Protein backbone atom coordinates (compact mmCIF):
# COMPACT_ATOMS: atom_id res chain seq x y z
CA MET A 1 14.46 -30.60 -12.96
CA LYS A 2 11.28 -32.21 -11.49
CA ILE A 3 10.59 -35.84 -13.55
CA ALA A 4 6.77 -36.96 -12.43
CA ILE A 5 7.39 -40.65 -13.14
CA SER A 6 3.49 -42.86 -12.94
CA ALA A 7 3.66 -45.10 -10.17
CA VAL A 8 1.38 -47.36 -8.69
CA ALA A 9 3.13 -47.04 -5.42
CA PRO A 10 4.72 -44.89 -3.41
CA GLY A 11 8.72 -46.36 -2.87
CA ILE A 12 11.12 -46.19 -5.82
CA GLU A 13 10.92 -50.17 -6.87
CA SER A 14 6.93 -49.48 -7.29
CA ALA A 15 6.23 -50.22 -10.71
CA VAL A 16 5.44 -47.58 -13.61
CA ASP A 17 1.47 -46.83 -13.43
CA GLN A 18 0.31 -47.20 -17.41
CA ARG A 19 -2.95 -44.91 -16.32
CA PHE A 20 -1.99 -41.68 -16.21
CA GLY A 21 -4.64 -39.35 -15.31
CA ARG A 22 -6.32 -42.45 -13.33
CA ALA A 23 -2.29 -43.25 -11.76
CA LYS A 24 -2.66 -44.02 -8.15
CA TYR A 25 0.64 -42.01 -7.17
CA PHE A 26 3.69 -39.63 -9.22
CA ALA A 27 6.96 -39.85 -8.12
CA VAL A 28 8.12 -36.52 -8.59
CA TYR A 29 12.27 -36.57 -9.37
CA GLU A 30 14.77 -33.81 -8.32
CA THR A 31 17.52 -33.99 -11.02
CA GLU A 32 19.48 -31.56 -8.36
CA THR A 33 18.97 -33.32 -5.05
CA GLY A 34 18.11 -37.19 -6.47
CA GLU A 35 15.71 -37.13 -3.87
CA TYR A 36 11.84 -38.11 -4.68
CA ASP A 37 9.19 -37.40 -3.38
CA PHE A 38 5.06 -38.91 -3.62
CA LEU A 39 2.25 -37.76 -4.57
CA ASP A 40 -0.94 -39.49 -3.69
CA ASN A 41 -3.41 -39.17 -6.85
CA LYS A 42 -5.90 -41.87 -5.20
CA ILE A 43 -8.16 -38.99 -5.52
CA GLN A 44 -8.87 -39.20 -8.90
CA MET A 45 -8.38 -42.69 -9.59
CA ASN A 46 -12.88 -42.60 -9.23
CA ALA A 47 -13.46 -39.08 -11.37
CA ALA A 48 -16.39 -39.34 -13.50
CA GLN A 49 -14.64 -37.14 -15.75
CA GLY A 50 -11.52 -34.87 -16.27
CA ALA A 51 -8.87 -37.12 -14.01
CA GLY A 52 -6.14 -36.34 -16.86
CA ILE A 53 -6.64 -32.64 -16.32
CA GLN A 54 -6.93 -32.58 -12.68
CA THR A 55 -3.82 -34.58 -12.59
CA ALA A 56 -2.02 -32.21 -14.77
CA GLU A 57 -3.07 -29.58 -12.76
CA MET A 58 -1.47 -31.47 -9.78
CA LEU A 59 1.74 -31.75 -11.53
CA SER A 60 1.91 -28.43 -12.45
CA LYS A 61 1.38 -26.89 -9.18
CA ALA A 62 3.88 -29.45 -7.91
CA GLY A 63 6.61 -27.76 -10.43
CA VAL A 64 6.62 -31.04 -12.49
CA ASP A 65 8.49 -30.14 -16.36
CA ALA A 66 8.19 -33.50 -17.35
CA VAL A 67 6.07 -36.74 -16.86
CA LEU A 68 7.03 -40.40 -17.71
CA THR A 69 3.73 -42.83 -18.04
CA GLY A 70 2.81 -45.53 -19.84
CA HIS A 71 -0.48 -43.50 -21.91
CA CYS A 72 -2.42 -40.60 -21.59
CA GLY A 73 -5.25 -39.20 -22.76
CA PRO A 74 -6.02 -36.51 -25.32
CA ASN A 75 -7.65 -33.93 -22.53
CA ALA A 76 -4.83 -34.57 -20.52
CA TYR A 77 -2.17 -34.28 -22.98
CA LYS A 78 -3.34 -31.00 -23.77
CA ALA A 79 -3.91 -29.76 -20.20
CA LEU A 80 0.24 -30.66 -19.68
CA SER A 81 0.96 -28.87 -22.52
CA ALA A 82 -0.33 -26.02 -22.14
CA ALA A 83 1.47 -25.53 -18.58
CA GLY A 84 4.90 -26.61 -20.35
CA ILE A 85 5.04 -30.51 -19.10
CA ALA A 86 6.80 -32.22 -21.53
CA LEU A 87 5.32 -36.17 -21.83
CA TYR A 88 7.08 -39.35 -22.30
CA ILE A 89 5.01 -42.22 -22.71
CA GLY A 90 5.00 -46.12 -22.82
CA VAL A 91 7.59 -46.47 -20.00
CA SER A 92 7.74 -49.49 -18.96
CA GLY A 93 9.25 -51.47 -15.95
CA ASN A 94 9.55 -49.58 -12.35
CA LEU A 95 10.76 -46.03 -11.39
CA ALA A 96 14.33 -46.39 -12.08
CA ASP A 97 14.50 -48.36 -15.38
CA ALA A 98 12.12 -45.54 -15.79
CA LEU A 99 14.04 -42.57 -15.18
CA LYS A 100 17.03 -44.26 -16.44
CA ALA A 101 15.76 -44.49 -19.93
CA TYR A 102 14.93 -40.91 -19.47
CA GLN A 103 18.57 -39.82 -18.76
CA GLU A 104 20.17 -42.14 -21.25
CA GLY A 105 17.73 -40.75 -23.60
CA SER A 106 16.15 -43.58 -25.09
CA LEU A 107 11.98 -42.00 -24.26
CA SER A 108 11.03 -39.60 -26.74
CA PRO A 109 8.28 -36.45 -26.59
CA ALA A 110 4.91 -37.54 -27.26
CA ASP A 111 3.45 -35.61 -30.09
CA GLY A 112 0.04 -36.38 -28.15
CA ALA A 113 -1.95 -39.07 -26.87
CA ASP A 114 -1.69 -42.63 -27.32
CA VAL A 115 -5.25 -43.47 -25.98
CA GLU A 116 -8.56 -42.04 -25.99
CA GLY A 117 -10.33 -40.33 -23.21
CA HIS A 118 -11.34 -42.24 -19.94
CA TRP A 119 -8.85 -44.97 -21.09
């Protein structure tokens, strides 16, 4: 299983980026190997529109099964749902904190967006 966590920088001590579509990076954690891979998402940071949709497509192509992030808008939520990717919002702290909360079952899957588009 692959879990993507929005990150402000590459590195496992990075803070969780609170924005999904415009996150600087995504840490992709592979549960079978315990290894992280970092995906650069800087191109979406300045996108006039569609950042969330494009980011969801990038993560889908990477084979991600779940996303942990701070906040997510409606178009990104729809794109993730259509791709079969579970979304967990309200995540904070560093990447290790986020992954631990997920593994302990203290995060619940989102049933919708929690911010408006272009947040």
